[in-house]
N, C-alpha and C. Protein backbone atom coordinates (compact mmCIF):
# COMPACT_ATOMS: atom_id res chain seq x y z
N MET A 1 97.76 132.17 69.69
CA MET A 1 97.83 130.74 69.10
C MET A 1 97.63 129.50 70.95
N ASN A 2 96.31 129.31 71.40
CA ASN A 2 96.19 128.20 72.64
C ASN A 2 97.32 127.18 72.32
N PHE A 3 97.57 126.39 72.83
CA PHE A 3 98.24 124.85 72.80
C PHE A 3 96.98 124.22 72.09
N TYR A 4 96.17 124.01 72.09
CA TYR A 4 95.33 122.66 71.17
C TYR A 4 95.79 123.52 69.87
N GLU A 5 95.31 125.08 69.74
CA GLU A 5 95.22 125.61 68.24
C GLU A 5 96.45 124.86 67.84
N ILE A 6 98.17 124.87 68.48
CA ILE A 6 99.03 123.97 67.75
C ILE A 6 99.12 123.03 67.55
N VAL A 7 98.42 121.98 68.13
CA VAL A 7 98.16 120.83 68.24
C VAL A 7 97.44 120.80 66.70
N GLN A 8 96.90 121.26 66.87
CA GLN A 8 95.82 121.16 65.71
C GLN A 8 96.42 121.25 64.01
N ALA A 9 97.20 122.95 64.57
CA ALA A 9 97.83 123.29 63.51
C ALA A 9 99.60 122.60 62.72
N ARG A 10 99.76 121.74 63.97
CA ARG A 10 100.98 121.61 63.37
C ARG A 10 100.80 120.16 62.42
N GLN A 11 101.90 119.85 61.64
CA GLN A 11 101.24 118.46 60.68
C GLN A 11 103.36 118.87 59.84
N SER A 12 103.57 117.32 59.26
CA SER A 12 104.90 117.01 58.58
C SER A 12 104.49 117.99 57.81
N CYS A 13 105.60 118.80 57.31
CA CYS A 13 105.83 119.75 56.26
C CYS A 13 106.27 119.05 55.07
N ARG A 14 106.23 118.85 53.95
CA ARG A 14 106.50 118.22 53.01
C ARG A 14 106.71 118.76 51.25
N SER A 15 106.32 120.28 51.70
CA SER A 15 106.27 121.53 50.59
C SER A 15 106.65 122.79 51.15
N TYR A 16 108.09 122.99 50.75
CA TYR A 16 109.00 124.46 51.43
C TYR A 16 108.46 125.27 50.56
N ASP A 17 108.27 126.57 51.19
CA ASP A 17 108.76 127.94 49.95
C ASP A 17 110.32 128.22 50.18
N SER A 18 110.97 127.34 49.85
CA SER A 18 112.86 128.08 48.93
C SER A 18 112.96 129.17 49.00
N THR A 19 111.94 130.19 48.24
CA THR A 19 112.38 131.48 48.41
C THR A 19 112.34 132.61 49.72
N ARG A 20 111.98 131.37 50.49
CA ARG A 20 111.52 132.61 51.82
C ARG A 20 112.18 132.09 52.85
N PRO A 21 112.92 132.90 53.51
CA PRO A 21 114.17 132.01 54.23
C PRO A 21 113.24 132.82 55.91
N VAL A 22 114.48 131.90 56.99
CA VAL A 22 113.42 132.01 58.40
C VAL A 22 114.06 133.00 58.88
N GLU A 23 113.17 133.62 59.35
CA GLU A 23 113.68 135.37 60.03
C GLU A 23 114.90 134.43 61.81
N GLN A 24 115.73 135.16 61.95
CA GLN A 24 116.68 134.80 63.11
C GLN A 24 115.25 134.43 64.57
N GLU A 25 114.84 135.67 64.21
CA GLU A 25 114.19 136.10 65.97
C GLU A 25 113.24 134.56 65.74
N LYS A 26 112.65 133.96 64.66
CA LYS A 26 111.42 133.10 64.30
C LYS A 26 112.45 131.74 65.27
N LEU A 27 113.63 131.63 64.65
CA LEU A 27 114.69 130.73 64.55
C LEU A 27 114.58 130.77 66.52
N ASP A 28 115.52 131.76 66.62
CA ASP A 28 115.92 132.02 68.33
C ASP A 28 114.33 131.01 68.92
N ALA A 29 113.35 131.44 68.48
CA ALA A 29 112.49 131.18 69.04
C ALA A 29 111.82 129.62 69.60
N VAL A 30 112.32 129.13 68.48
CA VAL A 30 112.04 127.88 67.85
C VAL A 30 112.98 126.72 69.08
N LEU A 31 114.36 127.47 68.79
CA LEU A 31 115.15 126.98 69.20
C LEU A 31 115.67 127.37 71.13
N GLU A 32 114.70 128.38 71.70
CA GLU A 32 115.01 128.73 73.10
C GLU A 32 113.99 127.95 73.67
N SER A 33 112.51 127.13 72.79
CA SER A 33 111.80 126.48 73.04
C SER A 33 112.48 125.27 73.42
N ALA A 34 112.95 124.36 73.24
CA ALA A 34 113.54 123.14 72.91
C ALA A 34 114.67 123.10 73.88
N ARG A 35 115.48 124.50 74.12
CA ARG A 35 115.81 124.25 75.68
C ARG A 35 115.25 124.35 76.85
N LEU A 36 114.17 124.82 76.91
CA LEU A 36 113.60 124.98 77.70
C LEU A 36 112.61 123.74 77.93
N SER A 37 112.40 122.60 77.01
CA SER A 37 111.91 121.41 77.39
C SER A 37 112.53 120.65 78.34
N PRO A 38 111.72 119.56 79.30
CA PRO A 38 112.19 119.39 80.88
C PRO A 38 112.63 118.03 80.17
N SER A 39 113.74 117.54 80.80
CA SER A 39 114.72 116.74 80.53
C SER A 39 114.97 115.81 81.62
N ALA A 40 115.47 114.57 82.09
CA ALA A 40 115.79 113.63 83.11
C ALA A 40 117.27 114.28 83.75
N CYS A 41 116.58 115.09 84.60
CA CYS A 41 118.00 115.50 85.78
C CYS A 41 118.50 116.86 84.91
N ASN A 42 117.72 117.61 84.45
CA ASN A 42 117.61 118.44 83.96
C ASN A 42 118.89 118.25 83.01
N GLY A 43 119.21 117.01 82.32
CA GLY A 43 120.60 116.47 81.46
C GLY A 43 120.88 117.37 80.23
N GLN A 44 120.18 117.30 79.80
CA GLN A 44 119.71 118.06 78.14
C GLN A 44 120.74 117.03 77.61
N PRO A 45 120.83 115.86 77.32
CA PRO A 45 121.63 115.07 76.52
C PRO A 45 121.58 115.26 74.98
N TYR A 46 121.64 116.16 74.73
CA TYR A 46 121.49 116.58 73.06
C TYR A 46 121.75 117.97 72.64
N HIS A 47 122.08 117.83 71.34
CA HIS A 47 122.73 119.35 70.99
C HIS A 47 122.30 119.42 69.36
N PHE A 48 121.91 120.68 69.19
CA PHE A 48 121.33 120.93 68.19
C PHE A 48 122.24 121.94 67.13
N THR A 49 122.11 121.43 65.96
CA THR A 49 123.43 121.94 64.97
C THR A 49 122.72 122.53 63.68
N VAL A 50 122.54 123.70 63.70
CA VAL A 50 121.05 124.53 62.29
C VAL A 50 122.24 125.00 61.34
N CYS A 51 121.37 124.31 60.54
CA CYS A 51 122.30 124.29 59.44
C CYS A 51 121.49 124.72 57.98
N ARG A 52 121.93 126.11 57.35
CA ARG A 52 121.51 126.83 56.26
C ARG A 52 122.77 126.76 54.94
N GLY A 53 121.89 127.00 53.89
CA GLY A 53 123.01 127.58 52.98
C GLY A 53 123.58 125.92 52.14
N GLU A 54 124.70 126.18 52.35
CA GLU A 54 125.14 124.69 51.79
C GLU A 54 125.23 123.51 52.78
N SER A 55 125.30 123.95 54.09
CA SER A 55 125.42 122.76 54.77
C SER A 55 124.11 122.25 54.61
N ALA A 56 122.88 122.62 54.93
CA ALA A 56 121.63 122.69 54.73
C ALA A 56 121.37 121.25 53.65
N ALA A 57 121.85 122.12 52.18
CA ALA A 57 122.24 121.34 51.27
C ALA A 57 122.76 119.85 51.55
N ALA A 58 124.09 119.88 51.76
CA ALA A 58 124.51 118.82 51.96
C ALA A 58 123.88 117.69 52.83
N VAL A 59 122.87 118.41 54.32
CA VAL A 59 122.49 117.26 54.90
C VAL A 59 121.12 116.77 54.07
N ALA A 60 120.21 117.99 53.68
CA ALA A 60 119.43 117.66 53.05
C ALA A 60 119.89 116.06 51.90
N LYS A 61 120.61 116.15 51.10
CA LYS A 61 121.27 115.10 50.38
C LYS A 61 121.75 114.17 51.12
N ALA A 62 121.73 113.99 52.25
CA ALA A 62 122.35 113.18 53.47
C ALA A 62 121.09 112.52 53.73
N CYS A 63 119.93 113.28 53.73
CA CYS A 63 118.29 112.22 54.52
C CYS A 63 117.54 112.02 52.90
N SER A 64 118.04 111.97 52.05
CA SER A 64 117.14 111.84 50.53
C SER A 64 118.01 110.39 49.96
N GLY A 65 118.49 109.23 50.80
CA GLY A 65 118.74 107.95 50.21
C GLY A 65 117.79 107.60 49.54
N MET A 66 117.63 106.59 48.45
CA MET A 66 116.69 105.87 48.16
C MET A 66 115.84 106.41 47.45
N GLY A 67 115.71 107.44 47.29
CA GLY A 67 114.33 108.37 46.95
C GLY A 67 113.02 109.38 48.06
N MET A 68 113.99 109.01 49.46
CA MET A 68 113.57 109.37 50.45
C MET A 68 113.94 110.90 50.82
N ASN A 69 112.81 111.34 51.30
CA ASN A 69 113.08 112.89 51.65
C ASN A 69 113.12 114.07 51.19
N LYS A 70 112.68 113.89 49.79
CA LYS A 70 113.22 114.65 48.11
C LYS A 70 112.95 116.45 48.85
N PHE A 71 111.83 116.61 49.43
CA PHE A 71 111.75 117.81 50.08
C PHE A 71 112.15 118.30 51.19
N ALA A 72 113.44 118.09 51.56
CA ALA A 72 114.04 118.67 52.16
C ALA A 72 114.71 119.66 51.51
N ALA A 73 115.14 119.44 50.70
CA ALA A 73 116.42 119.84 49.39
C ALA A 73 115.77 121.14 49.88
N ASP A 74 114.36 121.84 49.77
CA ASP A 74 113.43 123.26 49.43
C ASP A 74 113.45 123.88 50.39
N ALA A 75 113.97 123.05 51.81
CA ALA A 75 113.97 123.77 53.68
C ALA A 75 115.37 124.76 53.50
N PRO A 76 114.40 125.79 54.10
CA PRO A 76 115.68 126.75 54.00
C PRO A 76 116.82 126.36 55.49
N VAL A 77 116.24 125.66 56.50
CA VAL A 77 117.06 125.36 57.56
C VAL A 77 116.54 124.21 57.39
N LEU A 78 117.95 123.36 58.25
CA LEU A 78 117.76 121.75 58.61
C LEU A 78 118.33 121.72 60.03
N ILE A 79 117.59 121.70 61.07
CA ILE A 79 118.52 121.23 62.44
C ILE A 79 118.65 119.84 62.59
N VAL A 80 120.33 119.64 63.01
CA VAL A 80 120.72 118.30 63.68
C VAL A 80 120.19 118.23 64.50
N VAL A 81 119.60 116.99 65.15
CA VAL A 81 119.79 116.65 66.60
C VAL A 81 120.38 115.52 67.14
N SER A 82 121.64 115.61 67.73
CA SER A 82 122.38 114.60 68.06
C SER A 82 122.68 114.54 69.75
N GLU A 83 123.01 112.93 69.28
CA GLU A 83 123.16 112.30 71.32
C GLU A 83 123.93 113.20 71.73
N GLU A 84 124.01 113.40 72.99
CA GLU A 84 125.20 113.90 74.19
C GLU A 84 125.52 112.70 75.09
N ASN A 85 126.36 112.80 75.70
CA ASN A 85 126.34 112.44 77.25
C ASN A 85 125.53 112.86 77.82
N TYR A 86 125.32 111.75 78.95
CA TYR A 86 124.14 111.65 80.12
C TYR A 86 124.77 112.55 80.79
N VAL A 87 124.27 113.24 82.15
CA VAL A 87 124.71 113.69 83.27
C VAL A 87 124.95 112.39 84.20
N ALA A 88 125.61 112.66 85.01
CA ALA A 88 125.82 111.54 86.48
C ALA A 88 124.43 110.86 86.62
N SER A 89 123.71 111.74 87.23
CA SER A 89 122.78 111.10 87.66
C SER A 89 121.29 109.97 86.65
N ALA A 90 121.45 110.73 85.52
CA ALA A 90 120.67 110.62 84.63
C ALA A 90 121.23 109.21 83.98
N ALA A 91 122.34 109.01 84.28
CA ALA A 91 123.41 108.00 83.91
C ALA A 91 122.70 106.97 84.78
N PHE A 92 123.11 107.34 85.77
CA PHE A 92 123.02 106.18 87.01
C PHE A 92 121.40 105.70 86.86
N GLY A 93 120.33 106.94 86.82
CA GLY A 93 118.94 106.15 86.37
C GLY A 93 118.88 105.42 85.36
N ALA A 94 119.38 105.72 84.28
CA ALA A 94 119.29 104.72 82.65
C ALA A 94 119.74 103.76 83.41
N LYS A 95 120.86 103.44 83.71
CA LYS A 95 121.27 102.08 84.01
C LYS A 95 121.08 101.19 85.12
N VAL A 96 120.58 101.56 86.62
CA VAL A 96 119.23 100.88 87.05
C VAL A 96 118.49 100.80 86.70
N LYS A 97 117.57 101.61 85.87
CA LYS A 97 116.17 100.96 85.47
C LYS A 97 115.65 100.51 84.43
N GLY A 98 117.25 100.33 83.33
CA GLY A 98 117.30 100.24 82.00
C GLY A 98 116.25 100.65 80.98
N ASN A 99 116.34 102.03 81.22
CA ASN A 99 115.80 103.02 80.08
C ASN A 99 116.32 103.74 79.50
N ASP A 100 116.77 104.26 78.18
CA ASP A 100 116.61 104.81 77.86
C ASP A 100 116.70 106.92 77.37
N TYR A 101 117.01 107.08 78.74
CA TYR A 101 116.18 108.17 78.67
C TYR A 101 116.76 109.69 77.21
N ARG A 102 117.97 109.35 77.07
CA ARG A 102 118.39 109.94 76.06
C ARG A 102 117.25 110.40 75.08
N SER A 103 117.14 109.28 74.91
CA SER A 103 115.73 109.27 73.27
C SER A 103 114.52 109.93 73.59
N ILE A 104 114.00 109.59 74.86
CA ILE A 104 113.00 110.26 75.85
C ILE A 104 113.35 111.76 75.81
N ASP A 105 114.22 112.02 75.69
CA ASP A 105 114.60 113.52 76.02
C ASP A 105 114.54 114.87 74.68
N ILE A 106 115.41 113.17 73.69
CA ILE A 106 115.34 114.15 72.31
C ILE A 106 114.30 114.33 71.89
N GLY A 107 113.29 113.33 72.28
CA GLY A 107 111.72 113.48 71.64
C GLY A 107 110.91 114.69 72.21
N ILE A 108 111.19 114.93 73.35
CA ILE A 108 110.43 116.10 74.56
C ILE A 108 110.72 117.11 73.53
N ALA A 109 112.01 117.21 73.29
CA ALA A 109 112.82 118.40 73.04
C ALA A 109 112.08 119.26 71.65
N THR A 110 112.70 117.94 70.67
CA THR A 110 111.81 117.79 69.22
C THR A 110 110.37 118.12 69.32
N ALA A 111 109.54 117.81 69.97
CA ALA A 111 107.98 118.22 70.69
C ALA A 111 107.80 119.93 70.89
N TYR A 112 108.86 120.06 71.83
CA TYR A 112 108.64 121.54 71.99
C TYR A 112 109.33 122.14 71.13
N LEU A 113 109.82 122.22 69.68
CA LEU A 113 110.86 122.52 68.94
C LEU A 113 109.40 122.73 68.24
N THR A 114 108.77 121.53 67.57
CA THR A 114 107.96 121.48 66.41
C THR A 114 106.95 122.26 66.34
N ALA A 115 106.23 122.63 68.02
CA ALA A 115 105.06 122.84 68.79
C ALA A 115 105.16 124.37 67.96
N GLU A 116 106.64 125.12 68.73
CA GLU A 116 107.01 126.50 68.80
C GLU A 116 106.88 126.67 67.26
N ALA A 117 107.60 126.00 66.18
CA ALA A 117 108.16 126.51 64.83
C ALA A 117 106.10 126.81 64.53
N ALA A 118 105.93 125.40 64.67
CA ALA A 118 103.84 125.68 64.26
C ALA A 118 103.45 126.50 65.06
N ALA A 119 103.81 127.22 66.21
CA ALA A 119 103.16 129.12 66.60
C ALA A 119 103.68 130.15 65.83
N GLN A 120 104.49 129.63 65.30
CA GLN A 120 105.80 131.06 64.60
C GLN A 120 105.17 131.23 63.33
N GLY A 121 104.38 130.17 63.22
CA GLY A 121 103.94 129.56 61.49
C GLY A 121 105.05 128.83 60.53
N LEU A 122 105.87 128.34 60.97
CA LEU A 122 106.25 127.69 60.23
C LEU A 122 106.33 126.39 59.86
N GLY A 123 106.52 125.29 59.10
CA GLY A 123 106.35 124.25 58.77
C GLY A 123 107.48 123.76 59.41
N THR A 124 107.47 122.52 60.23
CA THR A 124 108.16 120.94 60.32
C THR A 124 108.44 119.73 59.54
N CYS A 125 109.35 119.17 59.73
CA CYS A 125 109.34 117.85 59.15
C CYS A 125 110.17 116.97 60.15
N ILE A 126 110.13 116.01 60.98
CA ILE A 126 111.14 115.13 61.42
C ILE A 126 111.01 114.25 60.85
N LEU A 127 112.73 113.75 60.65
CA LEU A 127 113.11 113.00 59.53
C LEU A 127 114.05 111.77 60.39
N GLY A 128 113.87 110.46 60.61
CA GLY A 128 114.79 109.94 60.96
C GLY A 128 115.46 108.67 59.89
N TRP A 129 114.93 109.13 58.22
CA TRP A 129 116.02 108.32 57.39
C TRP A 129 117.19 109.18 57.13
N PHE A 130 118.12 108.56 57.49
CA PHE A 130 119.55 109.97 56.92
C PHE A 130 120.49 108.84 56.69
N ASP A 131 121.76 109.17 56.14
CA ASP A 131 123.03 108.66 56.91
C ASP A 131 123.48 109.56 57.89
N ASP A 132 123.47 108.46 58.53
CA ASP A 132 124.42 109.11 60.02
C ASP A 132 126.12 110.44 59.73
N GLN A 133 126.82 109.53 59.16
CA GLN A 133 127.84 109.32 58.88
C GLN A 133 128.21 110.63 58.31
N LYS A 134 127.53 110.42 57.18
CA LYS A 134 127.89 111.60 56.02
C LYS A 134 127.58 112.69 56.99
N ILE A 135 126.51 113.13 57.72
CA ILE A 135 125.62 114.10 58.65
C ILE A 135 126.44 114.31 59.87
N ARG A 136 127.32 113.48 60.37
CA ARG A 136 128.21 113.51 61.00
C ARG A 136 129.73 114.28 60.47
N ASP A 137 130.04 114.09 59.50
CA ASP A 137 131.61 114.89 58.48
C ASP A 137 130.90 116.25 58.69
N ILE A 138 129.82 116.36 57.89
CA ILE A 138 129.29 117.95 57.70
C ILE A 138 129.07 118.67 58.49
N CYS A 139 128.74 118.35 59.68
CA CYS A 139 128.46 118.99 61.15
C CYS A 139 129.37 119.36 62.17
N GLY A 140 130.42 118.25 61.64
CA GLY A 140 131.96 118.12 62.71
C GLY A 140 131.30 117.65 64.11
N LEU A 141 130.25 116.68 63.74
CA LEU A 141 129.62 115.71 65.15
C LEU A 141 130.88 114.35 65.43
N ASP A 142 130.90 114.23 66.46
CA ASP A 142 131.72 113.03 67.09
C ASP A 142 130.72 111.31 67.74
N LYS A 143 129.18 112.36 68.05
CA LYS A 143 128.06 111.80 68.85
C LYS A 143 126.93 110.98 67.31
N PRO A 144 126.36 110.30 67.94
CA PRO A 144 125.07 110.02 66.76
C PRO A 144 124.02 110.97 66.51
N VAL A 145 124.15 111.13 64.85
CA VAL A 145 122.88 111.67 64.91
C VAL A 145 121.59 111.09 65.41
N ARG A 146 120.55 112.03 65.88
CA ARG A 146 119.35 110.74 66.07
C ARG A 146 118.42 111.38 65.32
N LEU A 147 117.99 112.64 64.81
CA LEU A 147 117.22 113.13 63.90
C LEU A 147 117.56 114.50 63.22
N VAL A 148 116.92 114.77 62.15
CA VAL A 148 116.98 116.06 61.39
C VAL A 148 115.36 116.75 61.31
N ILE A 149 116.04 117.80 61.53
CA ILE A 149 114.27 118.65 61.42
C ILE A 149 114.04 119.22 60.27
N THR A 150 113.06 119.63 59.60
CA THR A 150 113.46 120.45 58.02
C THR A 150 112.78 121.76 58.69
N LEU A 151 113.29 122.71 58.44
CA LEU A 151 112.29 123.91 59.07
C LEU A 151 112.25 125.43 57.97
N GLY A 152 111.04 126.08 57.68
CA GLY A 152 110.60 126.45 57.07
C GLY A 152 109.22 127.01 56.77
N TYR A 153 109.08 127.97 55.71
CA TYR A 153 107.53 128.14 55.67
C TYR A 153 107.02 127.30 54.50
N PRO A 154 105.63 127.57 54.75
CA PRO A 154 105.27 126.39 54.09
C PRO A 154 104.89 126.65 52.68
N LYS A 155 104.81 126.12 51.67
CA LYS A 155 104.26 126.76 50.31
C LYS A 155 102.63 127.05 50.53
N GLU A 156 102.11 128.56 50.06
CA GLU A 156 100.88 128.54 49.88
C GLU A 156 99.71 127.83 49.93
N ASP A 157 100.22 126.86 49.09
CA ASP A 157 99.29 125.61 48.38
C ASP A 157 99.10 124.70 49.67
N ASP A 158 100.09 124.53 50.54
CA ASP A 158 100.26 123.94 51.43
C ASP A 158 98.84 123.20 52.26
N ALA A 159 97.96 123.04 52.16
CA ALA A 159 96.83 123.32 53.00
C ALA A 159 97.33 122.12 54.69
N LEU A 160 96.71 122.84 55.08
CA LEU A 160 96.30 121.59 56.67
C LEU A 160 95.45 120.28 55.95
N ARG A 161 96.27 119.49 56.12
CA ARG A 161 95.31 117.87 56.27
C ARG A 161 94.92 117.46 57.12
N PRO A 162 93.44 116.71 57.02
CA PRO A 162 92.99 116.13 58.09
C PRO A 162 93.97 115.16 59.04
N LYS A 163 93.87 114.98 60.24
CA LYS A 163 94.84 114.38 61.38
C LYS A 163 94.05 113.01 61.29
N LYS A 164 94.98 111.64 60.67
CA LYS A 164 94.64 110.18 60.75
C LYS A 164 95.09 110.18 62.01
N ARG A 165 94.01 109.45 63.20
CA ARG A 165 94.69 109.19 64.58
C ARG A 165 93.75 107.90 64.86
N LYS A 166 94.28 107.29 66.01
CA LYS A 166 93.34 106.75 66.22
C LYS A 166 92.32 106.51 67.36
N GLU A 167 91.10 106.61 67.92
CA GLU A 167 90.33 106.77 68.65
C GLU A 167 90.79 107.35 69.98
N ILE A 168 90.63 107.58 70.97
CA ILE A 168 91.33 108.17 72.05
C ILE A 168 90.65 106.96 73.13
N SER A 169 89.61 106.04 72.52
CA SER A 169 89.63 105.11 73.49
C SER A 169 90.26 104.50 73.06
N GLN A 170 91.02 104.01 72.03
CA GLN A 170 92.34 103.10 71.84
C GLN A 170 93.39 103.39 72.08
N LEU A 171 93.49 104.84 72.58
CA LEU A 171 94.72 105.08 73.35
C LEU A 171 94.58 105.27 74.94
N VAL A 172 94.02 105.39 75.62
CA VAL A 172 93.32 105.56 77.11
C VAL A 172 92.63 104.80 77.61
N SER A 173 92.87 104.09 78.62
CA SER A 173 92.04 103.59 79.49
C SER A 173 92.32 104.13 80.82
N GLU A 174 91.65 103.17 81.37
CA GLU A 174 91.76 104.06 83.37
C GLU A 174 91.40 102.50 84.16
N LYS A 175 91.86 102.66 85.67
CA LYS A 175 91.55 101.83 86.54
C LYS A 175 91.87 102.01 87.50
């Protein structure tokens, strides 16, 4: 698959085959792609906690308050993305420029991770609705949880949906 094909194939999966585990080699490739993503001053201010089995079930439950994200319980892997400290040069730049480089870096790493998952034939969904403290307790984390990513094989009947996006003219201008 070339990158454009990956972009076209990647979608938020909300229908996982709970009987099909993710092979370690594919999980390793997904995590390696995130590791190689660019970050401010190469600081990588994030940590990935891979949850399977009981810990995945507990994290899925912590993501499903008020009826949200019920599908997460069927994903065989949940990856908790937590924030880490800046490296000194990125911390200085963030303070001087008033920019939150950690959030940007987490977004980039997540994009790489989900793109590689699509290339591996896996589905993902990036979750922002969760109970931070419960997930910290489950995963033994002392830093904020920023995202949870569900990962697994989509069910056979989970068809590729048309992408509903703004027109390019609404997103791009030239000067």
